[in-house]
Amino acid sequence: MGQGMIQGGWGYVIAVYGISWGVMLGYAVMLLAQARESALARALPEASAASPASSHKGRAP
């Protein structure tokens, strides 16, 4: 009988590490994209104010 030690299972460990690093990398990429977008909006406020996405519906131009 065993000594209470888990034998094998390294495939699961590697899979979990891969998933964890993938999630952290994706989060880092998302943060960088948001930081670039925020910096661009601060640098060019007139460009972001004139974009159609920020226009208010129902207001006269």
N, C-alpha and C. Protein backbone atom coordinates (compact mmCIF):
# COMPACT_ATOMS: atom_id res chain seq x y z
N MET A 1 0.84 -1.18 0.00
CA MET A 1 0.00 0.00 0.00
C MET A 1 0.89 1.24 0.00
N GLY A 2 0.34 2.36 -0.49
CA GLY A 2 1.11 3.59 -0.64
C GLY A 2 1.40 4.26 0.69
N GLN A 3 2.21 5.27 0.63
CA GLN A 3 2.61 6.03 1.81
C GLN A 3 1.78 7.31 1.96
N GLY A 4 0.65 7.43 1.25
CA GLY A 4 -0.14 8.64 1.31
C GLY A 4 0.33 9.71 0.35
N MET A 5 1.22 9.37 -0.53
CA MET A 5 1.75 10.33 -1.51
C MET A 5 1.00 10.16 -2.83
N ILE A 6 0.75 11.25 -3.49
CA ILE A 6 0.12 11.21 -4.81
C ILE A 6 1.20 10.86 -5.83
N GLN A 7 0.89 9.93 -6.67
CA GLN A 7 1.82 9.50 -7.71
C GLN A 7 1.36 10.04 -9.05
N GLY A 8 2.27 10.61 -9.80
CA GLY A 8 1.92 11.13 -11.13
C GLY A 8 1.11 12.41 -11.03
N GLY A 9 0.32 12.67 -12.05
CA GLY A 9 -0.53 13.84 -12.05
C GLY A 9 0.14 15.11 -12.52
N TRP A 10 1.35 15.02 -13.07
CA TRP A 10 2.06 16.22 -13.51
C TRP A 10 1.39 16.89 -14.70
N GLY A 11 0.63 16.12 -15.46
CA GLY A 11 -0.10 16.71 -16.58
C GLY A 11 -1.09 17.76 -16.11
N TYR A 12 -1.76 17.48 -14.99
CA TYR A 12 -2.71 18.44 -14.43
C TYR A 12 -1.99 19.69 -13.92
N VAL A 13 -0.86 19.49 -13.30
CA VAL A 13 -0.10 20.62 -12.77
C VAL A 13 0.34 21.54 -13.92
N ILE A 14 0.85 20.96 -14.96
CA ILE A 14 1.30 21.72 -16.12
C ILE A 14 0.12 22.43 -16.77
N ALA A 15 -1.02 21.75 -16.88
CA ALA A 15 -2.21 22.36 -17.48
C ALA A 15 -2.67 23.57 -16.67
N VAL A 16 -2.69 23.44 -15.36
CA VAL A 16 -3.14 24.55 -14.51
C VAL A 16 -2.16 25.72 -14.59
N TYR A 17 -0.87 25.44 -14.60
CA TYR A 17 0.11 26.52 -14.77
C TYR A 17 -0.09 27.21 -16.12
N GLY A 18 -0.32 26.44 -17.16
CA GLY A 18 -0.54 27.03 -18.49
C GLY A 18 -1.78 27.91 -18.51
N ILE A 19 -2.87 27.44 -17.93
CA ILE A 19 -4.10 28.23 -17.87
C ILE A 19 -3.87 29.50 -17.06
N SER A 20 -3.20 29.36 -15.92
CA SER A 20 -2.95 30.53 -15.06
C SER A 20 -2.12 31.58 -15.78
N TRP A 21 -1.06 31.17 -16.44
CA TRP A 21 -0.21 32.13 -17.16
C TRP A 21 -0.97 32.74 -18.33
N GLY A 22 -1.81 31.95 -18.99
CA GLY A 22 -2.61 32.48 -20.08
C GLY A 22 -3.57 33.56 -19.61
N VAL A 23 -4.22 33.33 -18.47
CA VAL A 23 -5.15 34.32 -17.91
C VAL A 23 -4.39 35.58 -17.51
N MET A 24 -3.25 35.41 -16.84
CA MET A 24 -2.47 36.59 -16.42
C MET A 24 -1.96 37.38 -17.63
N LEU A 25 -1.53 36.69 -18.67
CA LEU A 25 -1.06 37.37 -19.88
C LEU A 25 -2.20 38.11 -20.55
N GLY A 26 -3.36 37.49 -20.64
CA GLY A 26 -4.52 38.16 -21.22
C GLY A 26 -4.92 39.39 -20.44
N TYR A 27 -4.87 39.31 -19.12
CA TYR A 27 -5.19 40.45 -18.26
C TYR A 27 -4.19 41.58 -18.46
N ALA A 28 -2.91 41.23 -18.57
CA ALA A 28 -1.87 42.24 -18.78
C ALA A 28 -2.06 42.93 -20.13
N VAL A 29 -2.40 42.19 -21.16
CA VAL A 29 -2.64 42.78 -22.47
C VAL A 29 -3.85 43.72 -22.41
N MET A 30 -4.90 43.31 -21.70
CA MET A 30 -6.08 44.15 -21.57
C MET A 30 -5.74 45.45 -20.84
N LEU A 31 -4.95 45.36 -19.77
CA LEU A 31 -4.57 46.56 -19.03
C LEU A 31 -3.73 47.50 -19.88
N LEU A 32 -2.81 46.95 -20.65
CA LEU A 32 -1.99 47.79 -21.53
C LEU A 32 -2.84 48.48 -22.59
N ALA A 33 -3.81 47.76 -23.14
CA ALA A 33 -4.68 48.35 -24.15
C ALA A 33 -5.52 49.48 -23.54
N GLN A 34 -6.02 49.28 -22.34
CA GLN A 34 -6.80 50.33 -21.67
C GLN A 34 -5.92 51.53 -21.34
N ALA A 35 -4.69 51.29 -20.92
CA ALA A 35 -3.79 52.39 -20.59
C ALA A 35 -3.47 53.21 -21.84
N ARG A 36 -3.24 52.54 -22.96
CA ARG A 36 -2.95 53.26 -24.21
C ARG A 36 -4.16 54.06 -24.65
N GLU A 37 -5.35 53.48 -24.53
CA GLU A 37 -6.57 54.18 -24.92
C GLU A 37 -6.80 55.41 -24.02
N SER A 38 -6.54 55.25 -22.74
CA SER A 38 -6.71 56.35 -21.80
C SER A 38 -5.70 57.46 -22.07
N ALA A 39 -4.47 57.09 -22.34
CA ALA A 39 -3.43 58.08 -22.64
C ALA A 39 -3.76 58.81 -23.93
N LEU A 40 -4.28 58.11 -24.91
CA LEU A 40 -4.64 58.74 -26.18
C LEU A 40 -5.80 59.70 -25.97
N ALA A 41 -6.77 59.32 -25.16
CA ALA A 41 -7.92 60.18 -24.89
C ALA A 41 -7.48 61.45 -24.16
N ARG A 42 -6.51 61.34 -23.27
CA ARG A 42 -6.00 62.52 -22.56
C ARG A 42 -5.19 63.41 -23.49
N ALA A 43 -4.45 62.80 -24.41
CA ALA A 43 -3.59 63.58 -25.30
C ALA A 43 -4.40 64.28 -26.38
N LEU A 44 -5.49 63.68 -26.80
CA LEU A 44 -6.29 64.25 -27.88
C LEU A 44 -7.75 64.38 -27.45
N PRO A 45 -8.04 65.27 -26.54
CA PRO A 45 -9.43 65.36 -26.05
C PRO A 45 -10.41 65.79 -27.13
N GLU A 46 -9.97 66.62 -28.08
CA GLU A 46 -10.89 67.05 -29.12
C GLU A 46 -11.24 65.91 -30.06
N ALA A 47 -10.33 64.99 -30.27
CA ALA A 47 -10.61 63.86 -31.15
C ALA A 47 -11.63 62.92 -30.51
N SER A 48 -11.51 62.68 -29.21
CA SER A 48 -12.45 61.78 -28.56
C SER A 48 -13.80 62.45 -28.38
N ALA A 49 -13.85 63.78 -28.23
CA ALA A 49 -15.11 64.49 -28.08
C ALA A 49 -15.88 64.54 -29.40
N ALA A 50 -15.16 64.51 -30.51
CA ALA A 50 -15.80 64.59 -31.81
C ALA A 50 -16.18 63.22 -32.37
N SER A 51 -15.86 62.16 -31.67
CA SER A 51 -16.16 60.83 -32.18
C SER A 51 -17.65 60.57 -32.11
N PRO A 52 -18.19 59.80 -33.06
CA PRO A 52 -19.62 59.52 -33.07
C PRO A 52 -20.08 58.74 -31.84
N ALA A 53 -19.21 57.96 -31.25
CA ALA A 53 -19.59 57.17 -30.10
C ALA A 53 -19.90 58.04 -28.89
N SER A 54 -19.28 59.21 -28.81
CA SER A 54 -19.50 60.07 -27.66
C SER A 54 -20.59 61.11 -27.90
N SER A 55 -21.17 61.13 -29.10
CA SER A 55 -22.21 62.12 -29.37
C SER A 55 -23.47 61.75 -28.62
N HIS A 56 -24.20 62.77 -28.21
CA HIS A 56 -25.43 62.57 -27.44
C HIS A 56 -26.60 62.54 -28.40
N LYS A 57 -27.36 61.47 -28.37
CA LYS A 57 -28.51 61.36 -29.25
C LYS A 57 -29.61 62.29 -28.77
N GLY A 58 -30.30 62.87 -29.72
CA GLY A 58 -31.42 63.73 -29.37
C GLY A 58 -31.04 65.19 -29.22
N ARG A 59 -29.78 65.50 -29.20
CA ARG A 59 -29.34 66.90 -29.09
C ARG A 59 -29.11 67.49 -30.46
N ALA A 60 -29.40 68.75 -30.58
CA ALA A 60 -29.12 69.44 -31.84
C ALA A 60 -27.63 69.73 -31.93
N PRO A 61 -27.07 69.62 -33.11
CA PRO A 61 -25.62 69.86 -33.26
C PRO A 61 -25.23 71.30 -33.05
